[in-house]
Amino acid sequence: MYIHREGKNLLLGLAAVILVIYLLMIFFVQHWTFFHFLFITILLAFFVMVMMFFRIPRRVFTNDPERLISPADGVVVAMEEVMEKEYIKEECLMVSIFMNGTDVHVNRYPCDGVVEYYKFHRGNYFVASYPKSSVLNERTTVGLRLTNGQKIVVRQVAGTMARRIVCYAREGEHVKQNQEMGFIKFGSRIDLFIPKSFPLEVGLQDVVRNGISPLCTVTPSTQTQPIES
């Protein structure tokens, strides 16, 4: 396990604050009581909780060009047919993965492809499990064209606590399956929009892991041409 780069400055700052508080207590508190020790213990526990939020466990990734691999850790909370209006612009199947505070919060590309579309949307901070959060909350939309020509969308959605979405996608970039796409700080949701022809391999309330869990099988396109590698 290691700490993601998005959390290093925050953890260093938090460690400095805790150290200053501890030194001030040593200087000013002459008789330590149970409550003083409890206070320091709570501060250290909080530091460990934040550190665990930014943890990146060592994993053996699933590399399979015939499947889309989960872009996030979490629970599948929604599977429904919707109109994707930004990039695919047709009826798709939306698979939503909700990440709670204990999940790993790095996001990865579910497949090889080219980033053809990227947009950041300002918005609200409703609870990420709320169905309308996909279109009302702060979010990023990444449109990918697969190597067989099919289009998918990966959308990062902010939640009540997640006030910071980091996305590394750049239009025109060739990306690889399980490559880092971004990071959402402090709990949120990922929506994956896929063609309705892709057979699903997960169900509602299934627990998935980024870079490991297959979500669906990729079917050949009958309307688009493969991209050039």
C-alpha atoms as a PDB file:
ATOM      1  CA  MET A   1       0.000   0.000   0.000  1.00  0.00           C
ATOM      2  CA  TYR A   2       1.085   3.575  -0.654  1.00  0.00           C
ATOM      3  CA  ILE A   3      -0.408   7.069  -0.319  1.00  0.00           C
ATOM      4  CA  HIS A   4      -1.823   8.722  -3.424  1.00  0.00           C
ATOM      5  CA  ARG A   5      -0.128  11.957  -4.471  1.00  0.00           C
ATOM      6  CA  GLU A   6      -3.415  13.863  -4.092  1.00  0.00           C
ATOM      7  CA  GLY A   7      -3.260  13.314  -0.338  1.00  0.00           C
ATOM      8  CA  LYS A   8       0.404  13.929   0.461  1.00  0.00           C
ATOM      9  CA  ASN A   9       0.245  17.710   0.965  1.00  0.00           C
ATOM     10  CA  LEU A  10      -2.945  17.421   3.018  1.00  0.00           C
ATOM     11  CA  LEU A  11      -1.408  14.754   5.249  1.00  0.00           C
ATOM     12  CA  LEU A  12       1.797  16.740   5.729  1.00  0.00           C
ATOM     13  CA  GLY A  13      -0.214  19.791   6.724  1.00  0.00           C
ATOM     14  CA  LEU A  14      -2.410  17.790   9.072  1.00  0.00           C
ATOM     15  CA  ALA A  15       0.633  16.153  10.667  1.00  0.00           C
ATOM     16  CA  ALA A  16       2.188  19.589  11.202  1.00  0.00           C
ATOM     17  CA  VAL A  17      -0.977  20.892  12.897  1.00  0.00           C
ATOM     18  CA  ILE A  18      -1.149  17.860  15.203  1.00  0.00           C
ATOM     19  CA  LEU A  19       2.541  18.227  16.078  1.00  0.00           C
ATOM     20  CA  VAL A  20       2.098  21.926  16.933  1.00  0.00           C
ATOM     21  CA  ILE A  21      -0.919  21.130  19.136  1.00  0.00           C
ATOM     22  CA  TYR A  22       1.053  18.398  20.896  1.00  0.00           C
ATOM     23  CA  LEU A  23       4.035  20.680  21.517  1.00  0.00           C
ATOM     24  CA  LEU A  24       1.792  23.456  22.845  1.00  0.00           C
ATOM     25  CA  MET A  25       0.157  20.993  25.212  1.00  0.00           C
ATOM     26  CA  ILE A  26       3.549  19.818  26.470  1.00  0.00           C
ATOM     27  CA  PHE A  27       4.543  23.428  27.087  1.00  0.00           C
ATOM     28  CA  PHE A  28       1.337  24.676  28.724  1.00  0.00           C
ATOM     29  CA  VAL A  29      -0.256  21.592  30.339  1.00  0.00           C
ATOM     30  CA  GLN A  30       1.552  20.803  33.563  1.00  0.00           C
ATOM     31  CA  HIS A  31      -0.670  17.989  34.779  1.00  0.00           C
ATOM     32  CA  TRP A  32      -1.925  15.671  32.080  1.00  0.00           C
ATOM     33  CA  THR A  33      -5.300  14.051  32.646  1.00  0.00           C
ATOM     34  CA  PHE A  34      -7.227  11.298  30.933  1.00  0.00           C
ATOM     35  CA  PHE A  35      -8.952  13.904  28.727  1.00  0.00           C
ATOM     36  CA  HIS A  36      -5.640  15.291  27.481  1.00  0.00           C
ATOM     37  CA  PHE A  37      -4.521  11.817  26.413  1.00  0.00           C
ATOM     38  CA  LEU A  38      -7.961  11.189  24.886  1.00  0.00           C
ATOM     39  CA  PHE A  39      -7.710  14.411  22.867  1.00  0.00           C
ATOM     40  CA  ILE A  40      -4.315  13.439  21.434  1.00  0.00           C
ATOM     41  CA  THR A  41      -5.608   9.936  20.673  1.00  0.00           C
ATOM     42  CA  ILE A  42      -8.576  11.384  18.769  1.00  0.00           C
ATOM     43  CA  LEU A  43      -6.266  13.606  16.728  1.00  0.00           C
ATOM     44  CA  LEU A  44      -4.036  10.656  15.827  1.00  0.00           C
ATOM     45  CA  ALA A  45      -7.057   8.506  14.959  1.00  0.00           C
ATOM     46  CA  PHE A  46      -8.348  11.268  12.683  1.00  0.00           C
ATOM     47  CA  PHE A  47      -4.957  11.437  10.957  1.00  0.00           C
ATOM     48  CA  VAL A  48      -5.000   7.675  10.371  1.00  0.00           C
ATOM     49  CA  MET A  49      -8.555   7.876   8.960  1.00  0.00           C
ATOM     50  CA  VAL A  50      -7.537  10.565   6.471  1.00  0.00           C
ATOM     51  CA  MET A  51      -4.407   8.617   5.563  1.00  0.00           C
ATOM     52  CA  MET A  52      -6.461   5.475   4.894  1.00  0.00           C
ATOM     53  CA  PHE A  53      -8.787   7.464   2.656  1.00  0.00           C
ATOM     54  CA  PHE A  54      -5.842   8.264   0.351  1.00  0.00           C
ATOM     55  CA  ARG A  55      -4.429   4.738   0.450  1.00  0.00           C
ATOM     56  CA  ILE A  56      -3.725   2.892  -2.789  1.00  0.00           C
ATOM     57  CA  PRO A  57      -3.466  -0.856  -2.166  1.00  0.00           C
ATOM     58  CA  ARG A  58      -1.194  -3.018  -4.275  1.00  0.00           C
ATOM     59  CA  ARG A  59      -3.391  -4.952  -6.689  1.00  0.00           C
ATOM     60  CA  VAL A  60      -3.060  -7.408  -9.538  1.00  0.00           C
ATOM     61  CA  PHE A  61      -5.178  -5.745 -12.225  1.00  0.00           C
ATOM     62  CA  THR A  62      -7.541  -7.534 -14.567  1.00  0.00           C
ATOM     63  CA  ASN A  63      -6.379  -6.837 -18.125  1.00  0.00           C
ATOM     64  CA  ASP A  64      -9.070  -7.974 -20.554  1.00  0.00           C
ATOM     65  CA  PRO A  65      -9.737  -6.111 -23.837  1.00  0.00           C
ATOM     66  CA  GLU A  66     -13.086  -7.892 -24.172  1.00  0.00           C
ATOM     67  CA  ARG A  67     -14.467  -6.476 -20.902  1.00  0.00           C
ATOM     68  CA  LEU A  68     -14.937  -3.145 -19.163  1.00  0.00           C
ATOM     69  CA  ILE A  69     -13.268  -3.241 -15.745  1.00  0.00           C
ATOM     70  CA  SER A  70     -14.707  -1.282 -12.835  1.00  0.00           C
ATOM     71  CA  PRO A  71     -13.355   2.289 -12.723  1.00  0.00           C
ATOM     72  CA  ALA A  72     -14.015   2.588  -8.977  1.00  0.00           C
ATOM     73  CA  ASP A  73     -14.351   0.757  -5.682  1.00  0.00           C
ATOM     74  CA  GLY A  74     -17.842   0.675  -4.241  1.00  0.00           C
ATOM     75  CA  VAL A  75     -21.349  -0.714  -4.534  1.00  0.00           C
ATOM     76  CA  VAL A  76     -23.475  -0.827  -7.695  1.00  0.00           C
ATOM     77  CA  VAL A  77     -26.445   1.357  -6.732  1.00  0.00           C
ATOM     78  CA  ALA A  78     -28.160   1.916 -10.081  1.00  0.00           C
ATOM     79  CA  MET A  79     -28.570   0.156 -13.436  1.00  0.00           C
ATOM     80  CA  GLU A  80     -30.984   1.832 -15.815  1.00  0.00           C
ATOM     81  CA  GLU A  81     -31.521   2.934 -19.394  1.00  0.00           C
ATOM     82  CA  VAL A  82     -31.020   6.678 -19.836  1.00  0.00           C
ATOM     83  CA  MET A  83     -30.353   9.210 -22.594  1.00  0.00           C
ATOM     84  CA  GLU A  84     -26.695  10.268 -22.520  1.00  0.00           C
ATOM     85  CA  LYS A  85     -26.810  13.793 -23.945  1.00  0.00           C
ATOM     86  CA  GLU A  86     -23.202  14.970 -23.857  1.00  0.00           C
ATOM     87  CA  TYR A  87     -21.068  12.585 -25.885  1.00  0.00           C
ATOM     88  CA  ILE A  88     -22.833   9.393 -26.958  1.00  0.00           C
ATOM     89  CA  LYS A  89     -26.127  11.232 -27.516  1.00  0.00           C
ATOM     90  CA  GLU A  90     -28.346   8.161 -27.543  1.00  0.00           C
ATOM     91  CA  GLU A  91     -30.036   5.724 -25.188  1.00  0.00           C
ATOM     92  CA  CYS A  92     -27.469   3.947 -23.029  1.00  0.00           C
ATOM     93  CA  LEU A  93     -27.252   1.728 -20.005  1.00  0.00           C
ATOM     94  CA  MET A  94     -26.023   3.606 -16.932  1.00  0.00           C
ATOM     95  CA  VAL A  95     -24.197   1.667 -14.221  1.00  0.00           C
ATOM     96  CA  SER A  96     -23.589   3.719 -11.060  1.00  0.00           C
ATOM     97  CA  ILE A  97     -21.011   2.863  -8.403  1.00  0.00           C
ATOM     98  CA  PHE A  98     -21.285   4.575  -5.019  1.00  0.00           C
ATOM     99  CA  MET A  99     -18.070   5.054  -3.020  1.00  0.00           C
ATOM    100  CA  ASN A 100     -18.320   5.522   0.725  1.00  0.00           C
ATOM    101  CA  GLY A 101     -15.678   6.959   3.013  1.00  0.00           C
ATOM    102  CA  THR A 102     -13.851   3.654   3.515  1.00  0.00           C
ATOM    103  CA  ASP A 103     -13.445   2.816  -0.194  1.00  0.00           C
ATOM    104  CA  VAL A 104     -10.323   3.448  -2.248  1.00  0.00           C
ATOM    105  CA  HIS A 105     -11.084   6.658  -4.165  1.00  0.00           C
ATOM    106  CA  VAL A 106      -8.766   6.527  -7.147  1.00  0.00           C
ATOM    107  CA  ASN A 107     -10.611   6.164 -10.480  1.00  0.00           C
ATOM    108  CA  ARG A 108      -9.271   4.172 -13.423  1.00  0.00           C
ATOM    109  CA  TYR A 109     -10.091   3.836 -17.100  1.00  0.00           C
ATOM    110  CA  PRO A 110     -12.242   0.732 -17.688  1.00  0.00           C
ATOM    111  CA  CYS A 111     -10.711   0.012 -21.107  1.00  0.00           C
ATOM    112  CA  ASP A 112      -8.213   1.049 -23.756  1.00  0.00           C
ATOM    113  CA  GLY A 113      -9.326   3.915 -25.951  1.00  0.00           C
ATOM    114  CA  VAL A 114      -9.033   7.570 -26.906  1.00  0.00           C
ATOM    115  CA  VAL A 115     -10.396  10.458 -24.861  1.00  0.00           C
ATOM    116  CA  GLU A 116     -12.587  12.274 -27.386  1.00  0.00           C
ATOM    117  CA  TYR A 117     -14.538  14.420 -24.931  1.00  0.00           C
ATOM    118  CA  TYR A 118     -13.913  16.031 -21.564  1.00  0.00           C
ATOM    119  CA  LYS A 119     -15.945  18.589 -19.638  1.00  0.00           C
ATOM    120  CA  PHE A 120     -16.124  19.804 -16.050  1.00  0.00           C
ATOM    121  CA  HIS A 121     -19.556  20.855 -14.755  1.00  0.00           C
ATOM    122  CA  ARG A 122     -20.089  22.996 -11.683  1.00  0.00           C
ATOM    123  CA  GLY A 123     -23.093  21.976  -9.622  1.00  0.00           C
ATOM    124  CA  ASN A 124     -24.589  21.065  -6.281  1.00  0.00           C
ATOM    125  CA  TYR A 125     -23.414  18.655  -3.587  1.00  0.00           C
ATOM    126  CA  PHE A 126     -26.409  16.429  -2.983  1.00  0.00           C
ATOM    127  CA  VAL A 127     -25.854  12.964  -1.526  1.00  0.00           C
ATOM    128  CA  ALA A 128     -24.146  11.004  -4.307  1.00  0.00           C
ATOM    129  CA  SER A 129     -26.596   8.093  -4.014  1.00  0.00           C
ATOM    130  CA  TYR A 130     -29.455  10.458  -4.952  1.00  0.00           C
ATOM    131  CA  PRO A 131     -30.571   9.483  -8.511  1.00  0.00           C
ATOM    132  CA  LYS A 132     -30.452  13.053  -9.867  1.00  0.00           C
ATOM    133  CA  SER A 133     -26.942  13.691  -8.555  1.00  0.00           C
ATOM    134  CA  SER A 134     -25.586  12.501 -11.915  1.00  0.00           C
ATOM    135  CA  VAL A 135     -26.948  15.636 -13.608  1.00  0.00           C
ATOM    136  CA  LEU A 136     -27.273  18.106 -10.703  1.00  0.00           C
ATOM    137  CA  ASN A 137     -24.015  17.690  -8.780  1.00  0.00           C
ATOM    138  CA  GLU A 138     -20.535  18.915  -9.617  1.00  0.00           C
ATOM    139  CA  ARG A 139     -19.102  16.390 -12.046  1.00  0.00           C
ATOM    140  CA  THR A 140     -16.696  15.617 -14.866  1.00  0.00           C
ATOM    141  CA  THR A 141     -17.667  13.802 -18.061  1.00  0.00           C
ATOM    142  CA  VAL A 142     -15.061  11.781 -19.965  1.00  0.00           C
ATOM    143  CA  GLY A 143     -16.046  10.379 -23.358  1.00  0.00           C
ATOM    144  CA  LEU A 144     -14.000   7.437 -24.625  1.00  0.00           C
ATOM    145  CA  ARG A 145     -13.927   5.771 -28.019  1.00  0.00           C
ATOM    146  CA  LEU A 146     -12.925   2.128 -27.632  1.00  0.00           C
ATOM    147  CA  THR A 147     -10.516   0.402 -29.985  1.00  0.00           C
ATOM    148  CA  ASN A 148     -13.483  -1.254 -31.740  1.00  0.00           C
ATOM    149  CA  GLY A 149     -15.174   2.113 -32.324  1.00  0.00           C
ATOM    150  CA  GLN A 150     -17.782   1.943 -29.578  1.00  0.00           C
ATOM    151  CA  LYS A 151     -18.345   4.949 -27.310  1.00  0.00           C
ATOM    152  CA  ILE A 152     -18.669   5.015 -23.530  1.00  0.00           C
ATOM    153  CA  VAL A 153     -18.790   7.737 -20.887  1.00  0.00           C
ATOM    154  CA  VAL A 154     -17.187   7.719 -17.439  1.00  0.00           C
ATOM    155  CA  ARG A 155     -18.612  10.417 -15.162  1.00  0.00           C
ATOM    156  CA  GLN A 156     -17.165  11.414 -11.798  1.00  0.00           C
ATOM    157  CA  VAL A 157     -19.868  12.841  -9.521  1.00  0.00           C
ATOM    158  CA  ALA A 158     -19.207  14.820  -6.335  1.00  0.00           C
ATOM    159  CA  GLY A 159     -21.239  14.090  -3.200  1.00  0.00           C
ATOM    160  CA  THR A 160     -22.085  15.809   0.072  1.00  0.00           C
ATOM    161  CA  MET A 161     -18.538  15.490   1.433  1.00  0.00           C
ATOM    162  CA  ALA A 162     -16.664  15.197  -1.870  1.00  0.00           C
ATOM    163  CA  ARG A 163     -15.900  18.810  -2.728  1.00  0.00           C
ATOM    164  CA  ARG A 164     -12.876  18.109  -4.893  1.00  0.00           C
ATOM    165  CA  ILE A 165     -12.853  16.126  -8.122  1.00  0.00           C
ATOM    166  CA  VAL A 166      -9.487  15.538  -9.799  1.00  0.00           C
ATOM    167  CA  CYS A 167      -9.489  14.320 -13.403  1.00  0.00           C
ATOM    168  CA  TYR A 168      -6.374  13.689 -15.480  1.00  0.00           C
ATOM    169  CA  ALA A 169      -8.202  13.165 -18.810  1.00  0.00           C
ATOM    170  CA  ARG A 170      -7.099  15.197 -21.814  1.00  0.00           C
ATOM    171  CA  GLU A 171      -8.857  15.199 -25.159  1.00  0.00           C
ATOM    172  CA  GLY A 172      -6.912  13.279 -27.812  1.00  0.00           C
ATOM    173  CA  GLU A 173      -5.032  11.177 -25.267  1.00  0.00           C
ATOM    174  CA  HIS A 174      -4.694   7.422 -25.835  1.00  0.00           C
ATOM    175  CA  VAL A 175      -5.352   5.677 -22.517  1.00  0.00           C
ATOM    176  CA  LYS A 176      -4.922   2.151 -21.247  1.00  0.00           C
ATOM    177  CA  GLN A 177      -7.204  -0.087 -19.229  1.00  0.00           C
ATOM    178  CA  ASN A 178      -6.658   0.476 -15.461  1.00  0.00           C
ATOM    179  CA  GLN A 179      -4.607   3.642 -16.047  1.00  0.00           C
ATOM    180  CA  GLU A 180      -5.423   6.335 -13.468  1.00  0.00           C
ATOM    181  CA  MET A 181      -8.191   8.648 -14.654  1.00  0.00           C
ATOM    182  CA  GLY A 182      -8.590  10.726 -11.510  1.00  0.00           C
ATOM    183  CA  PHE A 183      -9.427  10.919  -7.834  1.00  0.00           C
ATOM    184  CA  ILE A 184     -12.491  12.061  -5.872  1.00  0.00           C
ATOM    185  CA  LYS A 185     -11.810  13.259  -2.352  1.00  0.00           C
ATOM    186  CA  PHE A 186     -14.030  12.104   0.518  1.00  0.00           C
ATOM    187  CA  GLY A 187     -16.789   9.934  -0.906  1.00  0.00           C
ATOM    188  CA  SER A 188     -18.744  10.081  -4.148  1.00  0.00           C
ATOM    189  CA  ARG A 189     -20.003   8.214  -7.205  1.00  0.00           C
ATOM    190  CA  ILE A 190     -18.975   7.047 -10.671  1.00  0.00           C
ATOM    191  CA  ASP A 191     -21.494   6.686 -13.502  1.00  0.00           C
ATOM    192  CA  LEU A 192     -20.559   4.522 -16.465  1.00  0.00           C
ATOM    193  CA  PHE A 193     -22.640   4.920 -19.651  1.00  0.00           C
ATOM    194  CA  ILE A 194     -22.334   1.992 -22.050  1.00  0.00           C
ATOM    195  CA  PRO A 195     -24.128   0.709 -25.152  1.00  0.00           C
ATOM    196  CA  LYS A 196     -27.213  -1.361 -24.358  1.00  0.00           C
ATOM    197  CA  SER A 197     -25.708  -4.226 -26.369  1.00  0.00           C
ATOM    198  CA  PHE A 198     -22.967  -4.796 -23.751  1.00  0.00           C
ATOM    199  CA  PRO A 199     -23.940  -7.838 -21.598  1.00  0.00           C
ATOM    200  CA  LEU A 200     -23.636  -6.976 -17.896  1.00  0.00           C
ATOM    201  CA  GLU A 201     -21.683  -9.167 -15.489  1.00  0.00           C
ATOM    202  CA  VAL A 202     -22.751  -7.390 -12.285  1.00  0.00           C
ATOM    203  CA  GLY A 203     -26.023  -6.741 -10.495  1.00  0.00           C
ATOM    204  CA  LEU A 204     -27.486  -4.221  -8.084  1.00  0.00           C
ATOM    205  CA  GLN A 205     -25.747  -4.073  -4.686  1.00  0.00           C
ATOM    206  CA  ASP A 206     -22.716  -5.973  -5.984  1.00  0.00           C
ATOM    207  CA  VAL A 207     -19.409  -4.829  -4.480  1.00  0.00           C
ATOM    208  CA  VAL A 208     -16.800  -3.993  -7.135  1.00  0.00           C
ATOM    209  CA  ARG A 209     -13.119  -3.045  -7.045  1.00  0.00           C
ATOM    210  CA  ASN A 210     -11.310  -0.694  -9.397  1.00  0.00           C
ATOM    211  CA  GLY A 211      -8.963  -2.417 -11.776  1.00  0.00           C
ATOM    212  CA  ILE A 212     -10.228  -5.867 -10.777  1.00  0.00           C
ATOM    213  CA  SER A 213     -13.984  -6.412 -11.193  1.00  0.00           C
ATOM    214  CA  PRO A 214     -15.368  -6.941 -14.735  1.00  0.00           C
ATOM    215  CA  LEU A 215     -18.588  -4.980 -15.306  1.00  0.00           C
ATOM    216  CA  CYS A 216     -19.636  -6.094 -18.769  1.00  0.00           C
ATOM    217  CA  THR A 217     -18.529  -7.684 -22.029  1.00  0.00           C
ATOM    218  CA  VAL A 218     -17.662  -5.453 -24.974  1.00  0.00           C
ATOM    219  CA  THR A 219     -19.592  -6.317 -28.139  1.00  0.00           C
ATOM    220  CA  PRO A 220     -18.418  -5.343 -31.639  1.00  0.00           C
ATOM    221  CA  SER A 221     -19.774  -2.163 -33.149  1.00  0.00           C
ATOM    222  CA  THR A 222     -21.981  -2.383 -36.224  1.00  0.00           C
ATOM    223  CA  GLN A 223     -22.174   1.367 -36.849  1.00  0.00           C
ATOM    224  CA  THR A 224     -18.758   2.827 -36.164  1.00  0.00           C
ATOM    225  CA  GLN A 225     -15.228   2.248 -37.378  1.00  0.00           C
ATOM    226  CA  PRO A 226     -12.381   1.156 -35.097  1.00  0.00           C
ATOM    227  CA  ILE A 227      -9.979   3.875 -34.024  1.00  0.00           C
ATOM    228  CA  GLU A 228      -6.427   3.973 -35.293  1.00  0.00           C
ATOM    229  CA  SER A 229      -3.848   2.902 -32.754  1.00  0.00           C
END
